Amino acid sequence: MERSPRRERLRQIIFEADTPAGRVFDVALLWAIALSVGVVMLESVETIRRGYGPTLRALEWAFTAVFTVEYALRLYCGIRSTNPVADSRCEAPYLLAP
């Protein structure tokens, strides 16, 4: 089964860092990870949590949503065949990765 052009374009952006769009995606993802870690670190400081707790929790949820969408797109682009057994083997690395 051939991939749709949209699915193939998403695959190139997500999995190939040697394209301009792939590089932008990778850099944006790295920034999102770094900012997410920063938010968690800030929330671990009691005085900051007291003043900005709701905002920091909202940011954590926003980052969680972004990472969930990114993960779903990786699964969507990683499926290559119509064979459910082959598809499950293709998806397994993403499902089991930390």
PDB file of N, CA and C in Angstrom:
ATOM      1  N   MET A   1       0.852  -1.184   0.000  1.00  0.00           N
ATOM      2  CA  MET A   1       0.000   0.000   0.000  1.00  0.00           C
ATOM      3  C   MET A   1       0.892   1.240   0.000  1.00  0.00           C
ATOM      4  N   GLU A   2       0.589   2.153  -0.884  1.00  0.00           N
ATOM      5  CA  GLU A   2       1.388   3.354  -0.999  1.00  0.00           C
ATOM      6  C   GLU A   2       0.909   4.417  -0.013  1.00  0.00           C
ATOM      7  N   ARG A   3       1.855   5.170   0.519  1.00  0.00           N
ATOM      8  CA  ARG A   3       1.520   6.229   1.470  1.00  0.00           C
ATOM      9  C   ARG A   3       0.920   7.423   0.753  1.00  0.00           C
ATOM     10  N   SER A   4       0.069   8.128   1.461  1.00  0.00           N
ATOM     11  CA  SER A   4      -0.462   9.369   0.903  1.00  0.00           C
ATOM     12  C   SER A   4       0.661  10.406   0.907  1.00  0.00           C
ATOM     13  N   PRO A   5       0.588  11.399   0.010  1.00  0.00           N
ATOM     14  CA  PRO A   5       1.633  12.431  -0.011  1.00  0.00           C
ATOM     15  C   PRO A   5       1.763  13.157   1.335  1.00  0.00           C
ATOM     16  N   ARG A   6       0.638  13.391   2.000  1.00  0.00           N
ATOM     17  CA  ARG A   6       0.681  14.071   3.302  1.00  0.00           C
ATOM     18  C   ARG A   6       1.414  13.221   4.336  1.00  0.00           C
ATOM     19  N   ARG A   7       1.121  11.933   4.338  1.00  0.00           N
ATOM     20  CA  ARG A   7       1.765  11.031   5.296  1.00  0.00           C
ATOM     21  C   ARG A   7       3.266  10.928   5.023  1.00  0.00           C
ATOM     22  N   GLU A   8       3.625  10.863   3.747  1.00  0.00           N
ATOM     23  CA  GLU A   8       5.044  10.789   3.381  1.00  0.00           C
ATOM     24  C   GLU A   8       5.763  12.078   3.768  1.00  0.00           C
ATOM     25  N   ARG A   9       5.122  13.215   3.555  1.00  0.00           N
ATOM     26  CA  ARG A   9       5.736  14.502   3.932  1.00  0.00           C
ATOM     27  C   ARG A   9       5.942  14.578   5.447  1.00  0.00           C
ATOM     28  N   LEU A  10       4.947  14.146   6.213  1.00  0.00           N
ATOM     29  CA  LEU A  10       5.096  14.111   7.672  1.00  0.00           C
ATOM     30  C   LEU A  10       6.239  13.194   8.081  1.00  0.00           C
ATOM     31  N   ARG A  11       6.342  12.030   7.418  1.00  0.00           N
ATOM     32  CA  ARG A  11       7.419  11.098   7.734  1.00  0.00           C
ATOM     33  C   ARG A  11       8.771  11.742   7.488  1.00  0.00           C
ATOM     34  N   GLN A  12       8.911  12.448   6.371  1.00  0.00           N
ATOM     35  CA  GLN A  12      10.174  13.114   6.070  1.00  0.00           C
ATOM     36  C   GLN A  12      10.511  14.172   7.119  1.00  0.00           C
ATOM     37  N   ILE A  13       9.520  14.930   7.517  1.00  0.00           N
ATOM     38  CA  ILE A  13       9.761  15.987   8.509  1.00  0.00           C
ATOM     39  C   ILE A  13      10.154  15.383   9.858  1.00  0.00           C
ATOM     40  N   ILE A  14       9.446  14.346  10.281  1.00  0.00           N
ATOM     41  CA  ILE A  14       9.661  13.792  11.613  1.00  0.00           C
ATOM     42  C   ILE A  14      10.916  12.920  11.699  1.00  0.00           C
ATOM     43  N   PHE A  15      11.174  12.115  10.675  1.00  0.00           N
ATOM     44  CA  PHE A  15      12.244  11.125  10.767  1.00  0.00           C
ATOM     45  C   PHE A  15      13.534  11.503  10.046  1.00  0.00           C
ATOM     46  N   GLU A  16      13.510  12.518   9.212  1.00  0.00           N
ATOM     47  CA  GLU A  16      14.710  12.877   8.457  1.00  0.00           C
ATOM     48  C   GLU A  16      15.180  14.272   8.850  1.00  0.00           C
ATOM     49  N   ALA A  17      16.282  14.332   9.547  1.00  0.00           N
ATOM     50  CA  ALA A  17      16.804  15.611  10.029  1.00  0.00           C
ATOM     51  C   ALA A  17      17.630  16.335   8.970  1.00  0.00           C
ATOM     52  N   ASP A  18      17.853  15.707   7.822  1.00  0.00           N
ATOM     53  CA  ASP A  18      18.675  16.342   6.797  1.00  0.00           C
ATOM     54  C   ASP A  18      17.880  17.251   5.858  1.00  0.00           C
ATOM     55  N   THR A  19      16.583  17.398   6.118  1.00  0.00           N
ATOM     56  CA  THR A  19      15.773  18.343   5.348  1.00  0.00           C
ATOM     57  C   THR A  19      15.578  19.606   6.186  1.00  0.00           C
ATOM     58  N   PRO A  20      15.355  20.751   5.550  1.00  0.00           N
ATOM     59  CA  PRO A  20      15.125  21.975   6.337  1.00  0.00           C
ATOM     60  C   PRO A  20      13.956  21.840   7.316  1.00  0.00           C
ATOM     61  N   ALA A  21      12.845  21.271   6.854  1.00  0.00           N
ATOM     62  CA  ALA A  21      11.682  21.106   7.742  1.00  0.00           C
ATOM     63  C   ALA A  21      11.985  20.115   8.858  1.00  0.00           C
ATOM     64  N   GLY A  22      12.722  19.062   8.549  1.00  0.00           N
ATOM     65  CA  GLY A  22      13.111  18.088   9.571  1.00  0.00           C
ATOM     66  C   GLY A  22      14.001  18.704  10.626  1.00  0.00           C
ATOM     67  N   ARG A  23      14.901  19.559  10.188  1.00  0.00           N
ATOM     68  CA  ARG A  23      15.788  20.238  11.142  1.00  0.00           C
ATOM     69  C   ARG A  23      14.991  21.174  12.056  1.00  0.00           C
ATOM     70  N   VAL A  24      14.061  21.921  11.475  1.00  0.00           N
ATOM     71  CA  VAL A  24      13.210  22.815  12.283  1.00  0.00           C
ATOM     72  C   VAL A  24      12.414  21.993  13.296  1.00  0.00           C
ATOM     73  N   PHE A  25      11.856  20.867  12.847  1.00  0.00           N
ATOM     74  CA  PHE A  25      11.100  19.999  13.742  1.00  0.00           C
ATOM     75  C   PHE A  25      11.970  19.511  14.895  1.00  0.00           C
ATOM     76  N   ASP A  26      13.179  19.033  14.581  1.00  0.00           N
ATOM     77  CA  ASP A  26      14.072  18.517  15.620  1.00  0.00           C
ATOM     78  C   ASP A  26      14.477  19.601  16.613  1.00  0.00           C
ATOM     79  N   VAL A  27      14.797  20.770  16.113  1.00  0.00           N
ATOM     80  CA  VAL A  27      15.198  21.875  16.999  1.00  0.00           C
ATOM     81  C   VAL A  27      14.020  22.301  17.872  1.00  0.00           C
ATOM     82  N   ALA A  28      12.833  22.394  17.273  1.00  0.00           N
ATOM     83  CA  ALA A  28      11.646  22.763  18.052  1.00  0.00           C
ATOM     84  C   ALA A  28      11.357  21.720  19.131  1.00  0.00           C
ATOM     85  N   LEU A  29      11.519  20.447  18.789  1.00  0.00           N
ATOM     86  CA  LEU A  29      11.289  19.385  19.766  1.00  0.00           C
ATOM     87  C   LEU A  29      12.309  19.457  20.905  1.00  0.00           C
ATOM     88  N   LEU A  30      13.552  19.710  20.569  1.00  0.00           N
ATOM     89  CA  LEU A  30      14.581  19.857  21.618  1.00  0.00           C
ATOM     90  C   LEU A  30      14.271  21.036  22.533  1.00  0.00           C
ATOM     91  N   TRP A  31      13.833  22.153  21.960  1.00  0.00           N
ATOM     92  CA  TRP A  31      13.455  23.305  22.781  1.00  0.00           C
ATOM     93  C   TRP A  31      12.268  22.972  23.683  1.00  0.00           C
ATOM     94  N   ALA A  32      11.296  22.260  23.129  1.00  0.00           N
ATOM     95  CA  ALA A  32      10.127  21.882  23.936  1.00  0.00           C
ATOM     96  C   ALA A  32      10.539  20.985  25.099  1.00  0.00           C
ATOM     97  N   ILE A  33      11.440  20.051  24.848  1.00  0.00           N
ATOM     98  CA  ILE A  33      11.924  19.168  25.913  1.00  0.00           C
ATOM     99  C   ILE A  33      12.650  19.980  26.979  1.00  0.00           C
ATOM    100  N   ALA A  34      13.548  20.869  26.547  1.00  0.00           N
ATOM    101  CA  ALA A  34      14.306  21.680  27.504  1.00  0.00           C
ATOM    102  C   ALA A  34      13.383  22.577  28.328  1.00  0.00           C
ATOM    103  N   LEU A  35      12.421  23.196  27.674  1.00  0.00           N
ATOM    104  CA  LEU A  35      11.491  24.061  28.405  1.00  0.00           C
ATOM    105  C   LEU A  35      10.618  23.257  29.359  1.00  0.00           C
ATOM    106  N   SER A  36      10.217  22.070  28.941  1.00  0.00           N
ATOM    107  CA  SER A  36       9.415  21.206  29.805  1.00  0.00           C
ATOM    108  C   SER A  36      10.197  20.829  31.065  1.00  0.00           C
ATOM    109  N   VAL A  37      11.450  20.475  30.889  1.00  0.00           N
ATOM    110  CA  VAL A  37      12.295  20.147  32.049  1.00  0.00           C
ATOM    111  C   VAL A  37      12.450  21.379  32.936  1.00  0.00           C
ATOM    112  N   GLY A  38      12.630  22.546  32.325  1.00  0.00           N
ATOM    113  CA  GLY A  38      12.745  23.782  33.098  1.00  0.00           C
ATOM    114  C   GLY A  38      11.501  24.068  33.924  1.00  0.00           C
ATOM    115  N   VAL A  39      10.345  23.836  33.346  1.00  0.00           N
ATOM    116  CA  VAL A  39       9.082  24.050  34.072  1.00  0.00           C
ATOM    117  C   VAL A  39       8.994  23.110  35.270  1.00  0.00           C
ATOM    118  N   VAL A  40       9.354  21.852  35.071  1.00  0.00           N
ATOM    119  CA  VAL A  40       9.325  20.883  36.180  1.00  0.00           C
ATOM    120  C   VAL A  40      10.313  21.295  37.262  1.00  0.00           C
ATOM    121  N   MET A  41      11.489  21.760  36.861  1.00  0.00           N
ATOM    122  CA  MET A  41      12.479  22.203  37.851  1.00  0.00           C
ATOM    123  C   MET A  41      11.960  23.406  38.637  1.00  0.00           C
ATOM    124  N   LEU A  42      11.344  24.352  37.949  1.00  0.00           N
ATOM    125  CA  LEU A  42      10.804  25.524  38.640  1.00  0.00           C
ATOM    126  C   LEU A  42       9.707  25.128  39.623  1.00  0.00           C
ATOM    127  N   GLU A  43       8.879  24.178  39.206  1.00  0.00           N
ATOM    128  CA  GLU A  43       7.795  23.766  40.092  1.00  0.00           C
ATOM    129  C   GLU A  43       8.308  23.042  41.329  1.00  0.00           C
ATOM    130  N   SER A  44       9.511  22.524  41.267  1.00  0.00           N
ATOM    131  CA  SER A  44      10.054  21.821  42.431  1.00  0.00           C
ATOM    132  C   SER A  44      10.551  22.780  43.513  1.00  0.00           C
ATOM    133  N   VAL A  45      10.641  24.070  43.186  1.00  0.00           N
ATOM    134  CA  VAL A  45      11.059  25.073  44.171  1.00  0.00           C
ATOM    135  C   VAL A  45       9.787  25.602  44.859  1.00  0.00           C
ATOM    136  N   GLU A  46       9.713  25.402  46.174  1.00  0.00           N
ATOM    137  CA  GLU A  46       8.485  25.713  46.939  1.00  0.00           C
ATOM    138  C   GLU A  46       8.015  27.151  46.746  1.00  0.00           C
ATOM    139  N   THR A  47       8.909  28.118  46.841  1.00  0.00           N
ATOM    140  CA  THR A  47       8.488  29.521  46.741  1.00  0.00           C
ATOM    141  C   THR A  47       7.957  29.859  45.350  1.00  0.00           C
ATOM    142  N   ILE A  48       8.553  29.279  44.334  1.00  0.00           N
ATOM    143  CA  ILE A  48       8.073  29.514  42.964  1.00  0.00           C
ATOM    144  C   ILE A  48       6.730  28.817  42.756  1.00  0.00           C
ATOM    145  N   ARG A  49       6.610  27.584  43.275  1.00  0.00           N
ATOM    146  CA  ARG A  49       5.351  26.852  43.137  1.00  0.00           C
ATOM    147  C   ARG A  49       4.205  27.602  43.802  1.00  0.00           C
ATOM    148  N   ARG A  50       4.457  28.198  44.969  1.00  0.00           N
ATOM    149  CA  ARG A  50       3.393  28.946  45.656  1.00  0.00           C
ATOM    150  C   ARG A  50       2.901  30.116  44.814  1.00  0.00           C
ATOM    151  N   GLY A  51       3.811  30.792  44.153  1.00  0.00           N
ATOM    152  CA  GLY A  51       3.432  31.970  43.358  1.00  0.00           C
ATOM    153  C   GLY A  51       2.918  31.652  41.965  1.00  0.00           C
ATOM    154  N   TYR A  52       3.431  30.592  41.365  1.00  0.00           N
ATOM    155  CA  TYR A  52       3.117  30.306  39.962  1.00  0.00           C
ATOM    156  C   TYR A  52       2.623  28.882  39.715  1.00  0.00           C
ATOM    157  N   GLY A  53       2.204  28.202  40.763  1.00  0.00           N
ATOM    158  CA  GLY A  53       1.797  26.805  40.652  1.00  0.00           C
ATOM    159  C   GLY A  53       0.795  26.515  39.547  1.00  0.00           C
ATOM    160  N   PRO A  54      -0.337  27.237  39.505  1.00  0.00           N
ATOM    161  CA  PRO A  54      -1.330  26.950  38.449  1.00  0.00           C
ATOM    162  C   PRO A  54      -0.776  27.173  37.035  1.00  0.00           C
ATOM    163  N   THR A  55       0.018  28.208  36.861  1.00  0.00           N
ATOM    164  CA  THR A  55       0.614  28.479  35.549  1.00  0.00           C
ATOM    165  C   THR A  55       1.589  27.371  35.156  1.00  0.00           C
ATOM    166  N   LEU A  56       2.419  26.954  36.107  1.00  0.00           N
ATOM    167  CA  LEU A  56       3.387  25.895  35.818  1.00  0.00           C
ATOM    168  C   LEU A  56       2.682  24.574  35.500  1.00  0.00           C
ATOM    169  N   ARG A  57       1.624  24.263  36.229  1.00  0.00           N
ATOM    170  CA  ARG A  57       0.875  23.029  35.938  1.00  0.00           C
ATOM    171  C   ARG A  57       0.212  23.107  34.566  1.00  0.00           C
ATOM    172  N   ALA A  58      -0.306  24.272  34.207  1.00  0.00           N
ATOM    173  CA  ALA A  58      -0.902  24.443  32.875  1.00  0.00           C
ATOM    174  C   ALA A  58       0.143  24.253  31.780  1.00  0.00           C
ATOM    175  N   LEU A  59       1.340  24.777  32.025  1.00  0.00           N
ATOM    176  CA  LEU A  59       2.426  24.585  31.064  1.00  0.00           C
ATOM    177  C   LEU A  59       2.810  23.110  30.953  1.00  0.00           C
ATOM    178  N   GLU A  60       2.846  22.403  32.076  1.00  0.00           N
ATOM    179  CA  GLU A  60       3.144  20.972  32.045  1.00  0.00           C
ATOM    180  C   GLU A  60       2.123  20.227  31.203  1.00  0.00           C
ATOM    181  N   TRP A  61       0.849  20.555  31.366  1.00  0.00           N
ATOM    182  CA  TRP A  61      -0.194  19.910  30.576  1.00  0.00           C
ATOM    183  C   TRP A  61      -0.065  20.272  29.098  1.00  0.00           C
ATOM    184  N   ALA A  62       0.292  21.506  28.810  1.00  0.00           N
ATOM    185  CA  ALA A  62       0.478  21.923  27.411  1.00  0.00           C
ATOM    186  C   ALA A  62       1.622  21.137  26.769  1.00  0.00           C
ATOM    187  N   PHE A  63       2.732  20.994  27.489  1.00  0.00           N
ATOM    188  CA  PHE A  63       3.848  20.213  26.961  1.00  0.00           C
ATOM    189  C   PHE A  63       3.452  18.749  26.800  1.00  0.00           C
ATOM    190  N   THR A  64       2.682  18.227  27.733  1.00  0.00           N
ATOM    191  CA  THR A  64       2.213  16.846  27.620  1.00  0.00           C
ATOM    192  C   THR A  64       1.369  16.679  26.364  1.00  0.00           C
ATOM    193  N   ALA A  65       0.516  17.636  26.068  1.00  0.00           N
ATOM    194  CA  ALA A  65      -0.307  17.580  24.851  1.00  0.00           C
ATOM    195  C   ALA A  65       0.567  17.621  23.602  1.00  0.00           C
ATOM    196  N   VAL A  66       1.559  18.497  23.594  1.00  0.00           N
ATOM    197  CA  VAL A  66       2.466  18.604  22.444  1.00  0.00           C
ATOM    198  C   VAL A  66       3.204  17.283  22.227  1.00  0.00           C
ATOM    199  N   PHE A  67       3.723  16.687  23.306  1.00  0.00           N
ATOM    200  CA  PHE A  67       4.468  15.431  23.175  1.00  0.00           C
ATOM    201  C   PHE A  67       3.543  14.279  22.789  1.00  0.00           C
ATOM    202  N   THR A  68       2.293  14.320  23.209  1.00  0.00           N
ATOM    203  CA  THR A  68       1.333  13.284  22.821  1.00  0.00           C
ATOM    204  C   THR A  68       1.036  13.366  21.325  1.00  0.00           C
ATOM    205  N   VAL A  69       0.851  14.567  20.814  1.00  0.00           N
ATOM    206  CA  VAL A  69       0.609  14.753  19.383  1.00  0.00           C
ATOM    207  C   VAL A  69       1.833  14.302  18.586  1.00  0.00           C
ATOM    208  N   GLU A  70       3.010  14.660  19.055  1.00  0.00           N
ATOM    209  CA  GLU A  70       4.247  14.254  18.372  1.00  0.00           C
ATOM    210  C   GLU A  70       4.355  12.738  18.324  1.00  0.00           C
ATOM    211  N   TYR A  71       4.060  12.073  19.417  1.00  0.00           N
ATOM    212  CA  TYR A  71       4.110  10.616  19.500  1.00  0.00           C
ATOM    213  C   TYR A  71       3.093   9.986  18.555  1.00  0.00           C
ATOM    214  N   ALA A  72       1.869  10.523  18.537  1.00  0.00           N
ATOM    215  CA  ALA A  72       0.828   9.999  17.652  1.00  0.00           C
ATOM    216  C   ALA A  72       1.223  10.169  16.185  1.00  0.00           C
ATOM    217  N   LEU A  73       1.834  11.289  15.848  1.00  0.00           N
ATOM    218  CA  LEU A  73       2.293  11.499  14.475  1.00  0.00           C
ATOM    219  C   LEU A  73       3.397  10.517  14.103  1.00  0.00           C
ATOM    220  N   ARG A  74       4.286  10.212  15.038  1.00  0.00           N
ATOM    221  CA  ARG A  74       5.330   9.212  14.761  1.00  0.00           C
ATOM    222  C   ARG A  74       4.711   7.849  14.497  1.00  0.00           C
ATOM    223  N   LEU A  75       3.718   7.473  15.263  1.00  0.00           N
ATOM    224  CA  LEU A  75       3.034   6.196  15.022  1.00  0.00           C
ATOM    225  C   LEU A  75       2.313   6.214  13.678  1.00  0.00           C
ATOM    226  N   TYR A  76       1.628   7.296  13.390  1.00  0.00           N
ATOM    227  CA  TYR A  76       0.890   7.431  12.142  1.00  0.00           C
ATOM    228  C   TYR A  76       1.826   7.300  10.935  1.00  0.00           C
ATOM    229  N   CYS A  77       2.981   7.928  11.006  1.00  0.00           N
ATOM    230  CA  CYS A  77       3.920   7.901   9.886  1.00  0.00           C
ATOM    231  C   CYS A  77       4.731   6.611   9.833  1.00  0.00           C
ATOM    232  N   GLY A  78       4.820   5.893  10.916  1.00  0.00           N
ATOM    233  CA  GLY A  78       5.647   4.693  10.974  1.00  0.00           C
ATOM    234  C   GLY A  78       4.980   3.459  10.418  1.00  0.00           C
ATOM    235  N   ILE A  79       3.671   3.483  10.230  1.00  0.00           N
ATOM    236  CA  ILE A  79       2.954   2.324   9.709  1.00  0.00           C
ATOM    237  C   ILE A  79       3.196   2.243   8.203  1.00  0.00           C
ATOM    238  N   ARG A  80       3.684   1.081   7.737  1.00  0.00           N
ATOM    239  CA  ARG A  80       4.078   0.964   6.332  1.00  0.00           C
ATOM    240  C   ARG A  80       3.247  -0.010   5.516  1.00  0.00           C
ATOM    241  N   SER A  81       2.525  -0.901   6.134  1.00  0.00           N
ATOM    242  CA  SER A  81       1.810  -1.906   5.351  1.00  0.00           C
ATOM    243  C   SER A  81       0.384  -2.057   5.866  1.00  0.00           C
ATOM    244  N   THR A  82      -0.365  -2.889   5.170  1.00  0.00           N
ATOM    245  CA  THR A  82      -1.721  -3.171   5.621  1.00  0.00           C
ATOM    246  C   THR A  82      -1.767  -4.434   6.460  1.00  0.00           C
ATOM    247  N   ASN A  83      -0.625  -5.056   6.674  1.00  0.00           N
ATOM    248  CA  ASN A  83      -0.530  -6.273   7.473  1.00  0.00           C
ATOM    249  C   ASN A  83      -0.457  -5.891   8.954  1.00  0.00           C
ATOM    250  N   PRO A  84      -1.470  -6.239   9.758  1.00  0.00           N
ATOM    251  CA  PRO A  84      -1.466  -5.832  11.172  1.00  0.00           C
ATOM    252  C   PRO A  84      -0.273  -6.374  11.951  1.00  0.00           C
ATOM    253  N   VAL A  85       0.220  -7.557  11.598  1.00  0.00           N
ATOM    254  CA  VAL A  85       1.383  -8.114  12.304  1.00  0.00           C
ATOM    255  C   VAL A  85       2.618  -7.279  11.995  1.00  0.00           C
ATOM    256  N   ALA A  86       2.817  -6.956  10.737  1.00  0.00           N
ATOM    257  CA  ALA A  86       3.964  -6.122  10.356  1.00  0.00           C
ATOM    258  C   ALA A  86       3.840  -4.736  10.978  1.00  0.00           C
ATOM    259  N   ASP A  87       2.625  -4.176  10.989  1.00  0.00           N
ATOM    260  CA  ASP A  87       2.428  -2.858  11.590  1.00  0.00           C
ATOM    261  C   ASP A  87       2.784  -2.869  13.065  1.00  0.00           C
ATOM    262  N   SER A  88       2.399  -3.911  13.777  1.00  0.00           N
ATOM    263  CA  SER A  88       2.694  -3.953  15.210  1.00  0.00           C
ATOM    264  C   SER A  88       4.197  -4.040  15.445  1.00  0.00           C
ATOM    265  N   ARG A  89       4.922  -4.716  14.549  1.00  0.00           N
ATOM    266  CA  ARG A  89       6.385  -4.768  14.693  1.00  0.00           C
ATOM    267  C   ARG A  89       7.000  -3.409  14.407  1.00  0.00           C
ATOM    268  N   CYS A  90       6.427  -2.663  13.476  1.00  0.00           N
ATOM    269  CA  CYS A  90       6.948  -1.324  13.152  1.00  0.00           C
ATOM    270  C   CYS A  90       6.704  -0.359  14.302  1.00  0.00           C
ATOM    271  N   GLU A  91       5.575  -0.528  14.954  1.00  0.00           N
ATOM    272  CA  GLU A  91       5.210   0.392  16.037  1.00  0.00           C
ATOM    273  C   GLU A  91       5.876   0.040  17.355  1.00  0.00           C
ATOM    274  N   ALA A  92       6.281  -1.203  17.530  1.00  0.00           N
ATOM    275  CA  ALA A  92       6.805  -1.652  18.811  1.00  0.00           C
ATOM    276  C   ALA A  92       7.942  -0.785  19.339  1.00  0.00           C
ATOM    277  N   PRO A  93       8.909  -0.390  18.512  1.00  0.00           N
ATOM    278  CA  PRO A  93       9.990   0.458  19.062  1.00  0.00           C
ATOM    279  C   PRO A  93       9.472   1.752  19.684  1.00  0.00           C
ATOM    280  N   TYR A  94       8.414   2.345  19.092  1.00  0.00           N
ATOM    281  CA  TYR A  94       7.868   3.586  19.631  1.00  0.00           C
ATOM    282  C   TYR A  94       7.039   3.343  20.885  1.00  0.00           C
ATOM    283  N   LEU A  95       6.360   2.222  20.900  1.00  0.00           N
ATOM    284  CA  LEU A  95       5.529   1.913  22.071  1.00  0.00           C
ATOM    285  C   LEU A  95       6.388   1.557  23.270  1.00  0.00           C
ATOM    286  N   LEU A  96       7.562   0.980  23.037  1.00  0.00           N
ATOM    287  CA  LEU A  96       8.401   0.512  24.132  1.00  0.00           C
ATOM    288  C   LEU A  96       9.509   1.481  24.508  1.00  0.00           C
ATOM    289  N   ALA A  97       9.750   2.498  23.676  1.00  0.00           N
ATOM    290  CA  ALA A  97      10.845   3.439  23.935  1.00  0.00           C
ATOM    291  C   ALA A  97      10.538   4.268  25.178  1.00  0.00           C
ATOM    292  N   PRO A  98      11.566   4.595  25.945  1.00  0.00           N
ATOM    293  CA  PRO A  98      11.339   5.405  27.155  1.00  0.00           C
ATOM    294  C   PRO A  98      10.992   6.835  26.818  1.00  0.00           C
TER     295      PRO A  98
END
